[in-house]
């Protein structure tokens, strides 16, 4: 997981709230140089073998079940055998 937080306390609160126990890599804001970073909202994406962004998703507080469905679908994609 990549994150850009100026305040590590806020990052810790976020991780605790969502029970995230994965490796977190803190990067500088704007480090990815992609337009979605200007919105200052959390987002998900995957990288392909060329390190290009795919499956970009902005979670919605109003419809949290969409985030769960997105993550389930990504996990299914990642578990498919490579032929």
PDB file of N, CA and C in Angstrom:
ATOM      1  N   UNK A   1       0.846  -1.165   0.000  1.00  0.00           N
ATOM      2  CA  UNK A   1       0.000   0.000   0.000  1.00  0.00           C
ATOM      3  C   UNK A   1       0.896   1.234   0.000  1.00  0.00           C
ATOM      4  N   UNK A   2       0.532   2.198  -0.816  1.00  0.00           N
ATOM      5  CA  UNK A   2       1.218   3.485  -0.861  1.00  0.00           C
ATOM      6  C   UNK A   2       0.343   4.515  -0.162  1.00  0.00           C
ATOM      7  N   UNK A   3       0.971   5.413   0.539  1.00  0.00           N
ATOM      8  CA  UNK A   3       0.221   6.475   1.217  1.00  0.00           C
ATOM      9  C   UNK A   3       1.068   7.734   1.238  1.00  0.00           C
ATOM     10  N   UNK A   4       0.394   8.880   1.187  1.00  0.00           N
ATOM     11  CA  UNK A   4       1.116  10.131   1.396  1.00  0.00           C
ATOM     12  C   UNK A   4       0.391  10.890   2.500  1.00  0.00           C
ATOM     13  N   UNK A   5       1.024  10.929   3.628  1.00  0.00           N
ATOM     14  CA  UNK A   5       0.513  11.595   4.816  1.00  0.00           C
ATOM     15  C   UNK A   5       1.619  12.469   5.372  1.00  0.00           C
ATOM     16  N   UNK A   6       1.315  13.723   5.628  1.00  0.00           N
ATOM     17  CA  UNK A   6       2.300  14.596   6.259  1.00  0.00           C
ATOM     18  C   UNK A   6       2.381  14.318   7.750  1.00  0.00           C
ATOM     19  N   UNK A   7       1.296  13.803   8.285  1.00  0.00           N
ATOM     20  CA  UNK A   7       1.190  13.552   9.719  1.00  0.00           C
ATOM     21  C   UNK A   7       1.084  12.047   9.957  1.00  0.00           C
ATOM     22  N   UNK A   8       2.119  11.432  10.532  1.00  0.00           N
ATOM     23  CA  UNK A   8       2.109   9.987  10.741  1.00  0.00           C
ATOM     24  C   UNK A   8       1.031   9.560  11.731  1.00  0.00           C
ATOM     25  N   UNK A   9       0.638  10.444  12.614  1.00  0.00           N
ATOM     26  CA  UNK A   9      -0.441  10.128  13.559  1.00  0.00           C
ATOM     27  C   UNK A   9      -1.747   9.894  12.803  1.00  0.00           C
ATOM     28  N   UNK A  10      -2.036  10.726  11.822  1.00  0.00           N
ATOM     29  CA  UNK A  10      -3.246  10.551  11.005  1.00  0.00           C
ATOM     30  C   UNK A  10      -3.192   9.231  10.238  1.00  0.00           C
ATOM     31  N   UNK A  11      -2.031   8.889   9.743  1.00  0.00           N
ATOM     32  CA  UNK A  11      -1.871   7.626   9.033  1.00  0.00           C
ATOM     33  C   UNK A  11      -2.145   6.459   9.977  1.00  0.00           C
ATOM     34  N   UNK A  12      -1.613   6.516  11.175  1.00  0.00           N
ATOM     35  CA  UNK A  12      -1.817   5.448  12.161  1.00  0.00           C
ATOM     36  C   UNK A  12      -3.302   5.316  12.502  1.00  0.00           C
ATOM     37  N   UNK A  13      -3.996   6.428  12.662  1.00  0.00           N
ATOM     38  CA  UNK A  13      -5.432   6.401  12.954  1.00  0.00           C
ATOM     39  C   UNK A  13      -6.184   5.734  11.807  1.00  0.00           C
ATOM     40  N   UNK A  14      -5.838   6.097  10.574  1.00  0.00           N
ATOM     41  CA  UNK A  14      -6.467   5.504   9.396  1.00  0.00           C
ATOM     42  C   UNK A  14      -6.244   3.995   9.369  1.00  0.00           C
ATOM     43  N   UNK A  15      -5.017   3.562   9.580  1.00  0.00           N
ATOM     44  CA  UNK A  15      -4.683   2.138   9.551  1.00  0.00           C
ATOM     45  C   UNK A  15      -5.405   1.373  10.649  1.00  0.00           C
ATOM     46  N   UNK A  16      -5.465   1.954  11.839  1.00  0.00           N
ATOM     47  CA  UNK A  16      -6.165   1.309  12.953  1.00  0.00           C
ATOM     48  C   UNK A  16      -7.665   1.229  12.696  1.00  0.00           C
ATOM     49  N   UNK A  17      -8.233   2.314  12.174  1.00  0.00           N
ATOM     50  CA  UNK A  17      -9.679   2.366  11.932  1.00  0.00           C
ATOM     51  C   UNK A  17     -10.124   1.290  10.947  1.00  0.00           C
ATOM     52  N   UNK A  18      -9.319   1.082   9.897  1.00  0.00           N
ATOM     53  CA  UNK A  18      -9.686   0.114   8.873  1.00  0.00           C
ATOM     54  C   UNK A  18      -8.982  -1.229   9.050  1.00  0.00           C
ATOM     55  N   UNK A  19      -8.320  -1.390  10.191  1.00  0.00           N
ATOM     56  CA  UNK A  19      -7.647  -2.649  10.533  1.00  0.00           C
ATOM     57  C   UNK A  19      -6.724  -3.121   9.410  1.00  0.00           C
ATOM     58  N   UNK A  20      -5.917  -2.206   8.915  1.00  0.00           N
ATOM     59  CA  UNK A  20      -4.974  -2.506   7.840  1.00  0.00           C
ATOM     60  C   UNK A  20      -3.659  -2.934   8.468  1.00  0.00           C
ATOM     61  N   UNK A  21      -3.241  -4.121   8.102  1.00  0.00           N
ATOM     62  CA  UNK A  21      -2.024  -4.692   8.677  1.00  0.00           C
ATOM     63  C   UNK A  21      -0.996  -5.016   7.599  1.00  0.00           C
ATOM     64  N   UNK A  22      -1.054  -4.355   6.484  1.00  0.00           N
ATOM     65  CA  UNK A  22      -0.165  -4.609   5.364  1.00  0.00           C
ATOM     66  C   UNK A  22       1.037  -3.663   5.410  1.00  0.00           C
ATOM     67  N   UNK A  23       2.019  -3.945   4.569  1.00  0.00           N
ATOM     68  CA  UNK A  23       3.153  -3.031   4.446  1.00  0.00           C
ATOM     69  C   UNK A  23       2.677  -1.713   3.847  1.00  0.00           C
ATOM     70  N   UNK A  24       3.088  -0.622   4.458  1.00  0.00           N
ATOM     71  CA  UNK A  24       2.721   0.710   3.996  1.00  0.00           C
ATOM     72  C   UNK A  24       4.000   1.436   3.587  1.00  0.00           C
ATOM     73  N   UNK A  25       3.982   1.999   2.409  1.00  0.00           N
ATOM     74  CA  UNK A  25       5.107   2.786   1.922  1.00  0.00           C
ATOM     75  C   UNK A  25       4.639   4.228   1.800  1.00  0.00           C
ATOM     76  N   UNK A  26       5.254   5.107   2.549  1.00  0.00           N
ATOM     77  CA  UNK A  26       4.877   6.519   2.525  1.00  0.00           C
ATOM     78  C   UNK A  26       5.673   7.195   1.405  1.00  0.00           C
ATOM     79  N   UNK A  27       4.923   7.845   0.513  1.00  0.00           N
ATOM     80  CA  UNK A  27       5.543   8.555  -0.611  1.00  0.00           C
ATOM     81  C   UNK A  27       5.164  10.026  -0.530  1.00  0.00           C
ATOM     82  N   UNK A  28       5.926  10.860  -1.208  1.00  0.00           N
ATOM     83  CA  UNK A  28       5.627  12.289  -1.241  1.00  0.00           C
ATOM     84  C   UNK A  28       4.332  12.530  -2.017  1.00  0.00           C
ATOM     85  N   UNK A  29       3.586  13.523  -1.572  1.00  0.00           N
ATOM     86  CA  UNK A  29       2.371  13.901  -2.286  1.00  0.00           C
ATOM     87  C   UNK A  29       2.739  14.303  -3.710  1.00  0.00           C
ATOM     88  N   UNK A  30       2.010  13.769  -4.671  1.00  0.00           N
ATOM     89  CA  UNK A  30       2.276  14.071  -6.083  1.00  0.00           C
ATOM     90  C   UNK A  30       3.377  13.229  -6.696  1.00  0.00           C
ATOM     91  N   UNK A  31       3.921  12.290  -5.947  1.00  0.00           N
ATOM     92  CA  UNK A  31       5.052  11.495  -6.433  1.00  0.00           C
ATOM     93  C   UNK A  31       4.694  10.636  -7.646  1.00  0.00           C
ATOM     94  N   UNK A  32       3.446  10.231  -7.742  1.00  0.00           N
ATOM     95  CA  UNK A  32       3.044   9.383  -8.867  1.00  0.00           C
ATOM     96  C   UNK A  32       2.771  10.192 -10.123  1.00  0.00           C
ATOM     97  N   UNK A  33       2.585  11.504  -9.949  1.00  0.00           N
ATOM     98  CA  UNK A  33       2.372  12.411 -11.072  1.00  0.00           C
ATOM     99  C   UNK A  33       1.192  11.980 -11.950  1.00  0.00           C
ATOM    100  N   UNK A  34       0.060  11.713 -11.285  1.00  0.00           N
ATOM    101  CA  UNK A  34      -1.153  11.360 -12.015  1.00  0.00           C
ATOM    102  C   UNK A  34      -2.265  12.326 -11.589  1.00  0.00           C
ATOM    103  N   UNK A  35      -3.189  12.632 -12.498  1.00  0.00           N
ATOM    104  CA  UNK A  35      -4.219  13.642 -12.209  1.00  0.00           C
ATOM    105  C   UNK A  35      -5.062  13.355 -10.966  1.00  0.00           C
ATOM    106  N   UNK A  36      -5.332  12.113 -10.670  1.00  0.00           N
ATOM    107  CA  UNK A  36      -6.202  11.786  -9.539  1.00  0.00           C
ATOM    108  C   UNK A  36      -5.620  12.258  -8.204  1.00  0.00           C
ATOM    109  N   UNK A  37      -4.324  12.432  -8.138  1.00  0.00           N
ATOM    110  CA  UNK A  37      -3.697  12.880  -6.888  1.00  0.00           C
ATOM    111  C   UNK A  37      -4.146  14.282  -6.479  1.00  0.00           C
ATOM    112  N   UNK A  38      -4.579  15.086  -7.422  1.00  0.00           N
ATOM    113  CA  UNK A  38      -4.984  16.457  -7.114  1.00  0.00           C
ATOM    114  C   UNK A  38      -6.281  16.526  -6.316  1.00  0.00           C
ATOM    115  N   UNK A  39      -7.041  15.422  -6.267  1.00  0.00           N
ATOM    116  CA  UNK A  39      -8.317  15.410  -5.546  1.00  0.00           C
ATOM    117  C   UNK A  39      -8.148  15.237  -4.037  1.00  0.00           C
ATOM    118  N   UNK A  40      -6.996  14.760  -3.602  1.00  0.00           N
ATOM    119  CA  UNK A  40      -6.705  14.562  -2.178  1.00  0.00           C
ATOM    120  C   UNK A  40      -7.713  13.646  -1.497  1.00  0.00           C
ATOM    121  N   UNK A  41      -8.139  12.619  -2.215  1.00  0.00           N
ATOM    122  CA  UNK A  41      -9.013  11.580  -1.674  1.00  0.00           C
ATOM    123  C   UNK A  41      -8.285  10.245  -1.792  1.00  0.00           C
ATOM    124  N   UNK A  42      -8.616   9.298  -0.940  1.00  0.00           N
ATOM    125  CA  UNK A  42      -8.026   7.970  -1.106  1.00  0.00           C
ATOM    126  C   UNK A  42      -8.507   7.338  -2.413  1.00  0.00           C
ATOM    127  N   UNK A  43      -7.681   6.509  -2.985  1.00  0.00           N
ATOM    128  CA  UNK A  43      -8.073   5.794  -4.195  1.00  0.00           C
ATOM    129  C   UNK A  43      -7.283   4.499  -4.273  1.00  0.00           C
ATOM    130  N   UNK A  44      -7.822   3.576  -5.030  1.00  0.00           N
ATOM    131  CA  UNK A  44      -7.181   2.284  -5.246  1.00  0.00           C
ATOM    132  C   UNK A  44      -6.783   2.179  -6.705  1.00  0.00           C
ATOM    133  N   UNK A  45      -5.762   1.362  -6.962  1.00  0.00           N
ATOM    134  CA  UNK A  45      -5.388   1.056  -8.334  1.00  0.00           C
ATOM    135  C   UNK A  45      -4.511  -0.185  -8.331  1.00  0.00           C
ATOM    136  N   UNK A  46      -4.338  -0.761  -9.493  1.00  0.00           N
ATOM    137  CA  UNK A  46      -3.372  -1.840  -9.662  1.00  0.00           C
ATOM    138  C   UNK A  46      -2.351  -1.380 -10.690  1.00  0.00           C
ATOM    139  N   UNK A  47      -1.229  -2.045 -10.692  1.00  0.00           N
ATOM    140  CA  UNK A  47      -0.185  -1.786 -11.684  1.00  0.00           C
ATOM    141  C   UNK A  47      -0.023  -3.015 -12.552  1.00  0.00           C
ATOM    142  N   UNK A  48       0.195  -2.798 -13.835  1.00  0.00           N
ATOM    143  CA  UNK A  48       0.471  -3.938 -14.703  1.00  0.00           C
ATOM    144  C   UNK A  48       1.979  -4.177 -14.746  1.00  0.00           C
ATOM    145  N   UNK A  49       2.401  -5.110 -15.582  1.00  0.00           N
ATOM    146  CA  UNK A  49       3.830  -5.451 -15.627  1.00  0.00           C
ATOM    147  C   UNK A  49       4.691  -4.340 -16.222  1.00  0.00           C
ATOM    148  N   UNK A  50       4.079  -3.309 -16.791  1.00  0.00           N
ATOM    149  CA  UNK A  50       4.811  -2.142 -17.295  1.00  0.00           C
ATOM    150  C   UNK A  50       4.735  -0.980 -16.302  1.00  0.00           C
ATOM    151  N   UNK A  51       4.198  -1.263 -15.099  1.00  0.00           N
ATOM    152  CA  UNK A  51       4.005  -0.268 -14.046  1.00  0.00           C
ATOM    153  C   UNK A  51       3.065   0.855 -14.471  1.00  0.00           C
ATOM    154  N   UNK A  52       2.071   0.503 -15.295  1.00  0.00           N
ATOM    155  CA  UNK A  52       1.033   1.449 -15.684  1.00  0.00           C
ATOM    156  C   UNK A  52      -0.199   1.213 -14.816  1.00  0.00           C
ATOM    157  N   UNK A  53      -0.882   2.311 -14.455  1.00  0.00           N
ATOM    158  CA  UNK A  53      -2.061   2.217 -13.604  1.00  0.00           C
ATOM    159  C   UNK A  53      -3.224   1.576 -14.342  1.00  0.00           C
ATOM    160  N   UNK A  54      -3.924   0.709 -13.617  1.00  0.00           N
ATOM    161  CA  UNK A  54      -5.136   0.064 -14.110  1.00  0.00           C
ATOM    162  C   UNK A  54      -6.136   0.019 -12.975  1.00  0.00           C
ATOM    163  N   UNK A  55      -7.384  -0.211 -13.311  1.00  0.00           N
ATOM    164  CA  UNK A  55      -8.431  -0.442 -12.316  1.00  0.00           C
ATOM    165  C   UNK A  55      -8.484   0.642 -11.245  1.00  0.00           C
ATOM    166  N   UNK A  56      -8.391   1.903 -11.642  1.00  0.00           N
ATOM    167  CA  UNK A  56      -8.439   3.008 -10.686  1.00  0.00           C
ATOM    168  C   UNK A  56      -9.852   3.118 -10.117  1.00  0.00           C
ATOM    169  N   UNK A  57      -9.939   3.293  -8.805  1.00  0.00           N
ATOM    170  CA  UNK A  57     -11.231   3.341  -8.127  1.00  0.00           C
ATOM    171  C   UNK A  57     -11.178   4.347  -6.992  1.00  0.00           C
ATOM    172  N   UNK A  58     -12.164   5.246  -6.944  1.00  0.00           N
ATOM    173  CA  UNK A  58     -12.305   6.190  -5.834  1.00  0.00           C
ATOM    174  C   UNK A  58     -13.423   5.705  -4.926  1.00  0.00           C
ATOM    175  N   UNK A  59     -13.105   5.333  -3.690  1.00  0.00           N
ATOM    176  CA  UNK A  59     -14.151   4.871  -2.776  1.00  0.00           C
ATOM    177  C   UNK A  59     -15.129   5.996  -2.437  1.00  0.00           C
ATOM    178  N   UNK A  60     -16.341   5.604  -2.123  1.00  0.00           N
ATOM    179  CA  UNK A  60     -17.382   6.554  -1.756  1.00  0.00           C
ATOM    180  C   UNK A  60     -17.833   6.282  -0.327  1.00  0.00           C
ATOM    181  N   UNK A  61     -17.830   7.332   0.506  1.00  0.00           N
ATOM    182  CA  UNK A  61     -18.327   7.177   1.873  1.00  0.00           C
ATOM    183  C   UNK A  61     -19.813   6.842   1.868  1.00  0.00           C
ATOM    184  N   UNK A  62     -20.529   7.328   0.868  1.00  0.00           N
ATOM    185  CA  UNK A  62     -21.963   7.114   0.790  1.00  0.00           C
ATOM    186  C   UNK A  62     -22.321   5.676   0.409  1.00  0.00           C
ATOM    187  N   UNK A  63     -21.414   4.989  -0.299  1.00  0.00           N
ATOM    188  CA  UNK A  63     -21.683   3.623  -0.753  1.00  0.00           C
ATOM    189  C   UNK A  63     -20.460   2.747  -0.432  1.00  0.00           C
ATOM    190  N   UNK A  64     -20.215   2.464   0.841  1.00  0.00           N
ATOM    191  CA  UNK A  64     -19.007   1.724   1.222  1.00  0.00           C
ATOM    192  C   UNK A  64     -18.947   0.300   0.673  1.00  0.00           C
ATOM    193  N   UNK A  65     -20.105  -0.287   0.370  1.00  0.00           N
ATOM    194  CA  UNK A  65     -20.086  -1.647  -0.156  1.00  0.00           C
ATOM    195  C   UNK A  65     -19.437  -1.728  -1.536  1.00  0.00           C
ATOM    196  N   UNK A  66     -19.379  -0.609  -2.253  1.00  0.00           N
ATOM    197  CA  UNK A  66     -18.694  -0.594  -3.548  1.00  0.00           C
ATOM    198  C   UNK A  66     -17.202  -0.860  -3.375  1.00  0.00           C
ATOM    199  N   UNK A  67     -16.620  -0.336  -2.312  1.00  0.00           N
ATOM    200  CA  UNK A  67     -15.196  -0.574  -2.051  1.00  0.00           C
ATOM    201  C   UNK A  67     -14.946  -2.058  -1.816  1.00  0.00           C
ATOM    202  N   UNK A  68     -15.815  -2.678  -1.046  1.00  0.00           N
ATOM    203  CA  UNK A  68     -15.672  -4.112  -0.783  1.00  0.00           C
ATOM    204  C   UNK A  68     -15.773  -4.909  -2.078  1.00  0.00           C
ATOM    205  N   UNK A  69     -16.730  -4.556  -2.915  1.00  0.00           N
ATOM    206  CA  UNK A  69     -16.893  -5.256  -4.189  1.00  0.00           C
ATOM    207  C   UNK A  69     -15.688  -5.044  -5.100  1.00  0.00           C
ATOM    208  N   UNK A  70     -15.178  -3.820  -5.128  1.00  0.00           N
ATOM    209  CA  UNK A  70     -13.986  -3.535  -5.932  1.00  0.00           C
ATOM    210  C   UNK A  70     -12.822  -4.405  -5.464  1.00  0.00           C
ATOM    211  N   UNK A  71     -12.575  -4.422  -4.163  1.00  0.00           N
ATOM    212  CA  UNK A  71     -11.446  -5.191  -3.631  1.00  0.00           C
ATOM    213  C   UNK A  71     -11.625  -6.687  -3.874  1.00  0.00           C
ATOM    214  N   UNK A  72     -12.829  -7.179  -3.729  1.00  0.00           N
ATOM    215  CA  UNK A  72     -13.083  -8.596  -4.021  1.00  0.00           C
ATOM    216  C   UNK A  72     -12.778  -8.906  -5.484  1.00  0.00           C
ATOM    217  N   UNK A  73     -13.188  -8.011  -6.384  1.00  0.00           N
ATOM    218  CA  UNK A  73     -12.950  -8.256  -7.807  1.00  0.00           C
ATOM    219  C   UNK A  73     -11.463  -8.193  -8.139  1.00  0.00           C
ATOM    220  N   UNK A  74     -10.732  -7.313  -7.501  1.00  0.00           N
ATOM    221  CA  UNK A  74      -9.288  -7.204  -7.735  1.00  0.00           C
ATOM    222  C   UNK A  74      -8.592  -8.453  -7.222  1.00  0.00           C
ATOM    223  N   UNK A  75      -8.998  -8.928  -6.071  1.00  0.00           N
ATOM    224  CA  UNK A  75      -8.396 -10.143  -5.524  1.00  0.00           C
ATOM    225  C   UNK A  75      -8.635 -11.316  -6.468  1.00  0.00           C
ATOM    226  N   UNK A  76      -9.833 -11.409  -7.035  1.00  0.00           N
ATOM    227  CA  UNK A  76     -10.128 -12.476  -7.997  1.00  0.00           C
ATOM    228  C   UNK A  76      -9.241 -12.356  -9.228  1.00  0.00           C
ATOM    229  N   UNK A  77      -9.058 -11.137  -9.718  1.00  0.00           N
ATOM    230  CA  UNK A  77      -8.202 -10.916 -10.901  1.00  0.00           C
ATOM    231  C   UNK A  77      -6.783 -11.344 -10.579  1.00  0.00           C
ATOM    232  N   UNK A  78      -6.275 -10.961  -9.420  1.00  0.00           N
ATOM    233  CA  UNK A  78      -4.895 -11.263  -9.045  1.00  0.00           C
ATOM    234  C   UNK A  78      -4.658 -12.758  -8.848  1.00  0.00           C
ATOM    235  N   UNK A  79      -5.682 -13.502  -8.462  1.00  0.00           N
ATOM    236  CA  UNK A  79      -5.519 -14.933  -8.196  1.00  0.00           C
ATOM    237  C   UNK A  79      -5.638 -15.784  -9.453  1.00  0.00           C
ATOM    238  N   UNK A  80      -6.007 -15.196 -10.583  1.00  0.00           N
ATOM    239  CA  UNK A  80      -6.114 -15.970 -11.812  1.00  0.00           C
ATOM    240  C   UNK A  80      -4.716 -16.427 -12.227  1.00  0.00           C
ATOM    241  N   UNK A  81      -4.601 -17.671 -12.666  1.00  0.00           N
ATOM    242  CA  UNK A  81      -3.276 -18.151 -13.096  1.00  0.00           C
ATOM    243  C   UNK A  81      -2.826 -17.436 -14.364  1.00  0.00           C
ATOM    244  N   UNK A  82      -1.550 -17.179 -14.435  1.00  0.00           N
ATOM    245  CA  UNK A  82      -0.966 -16.535 -15.616  1.00  0.00           C
ATOM    246  C   UNK A  82      -0.585 -17.629 -16.595  1.00  0.00           C
ATOM    247  N   UNK A  83      -1.108 -17.505 -17.813  1.00  0.00           N
ATOM    248  CA  UNK A  83      -0.840 -18.543 -18.830  1.00  0.00           C
ATOM    249  C   UNK A  83       0.254 -18.082 -19.758  1.00  0.00           C
TER     250      UNK A  83
END
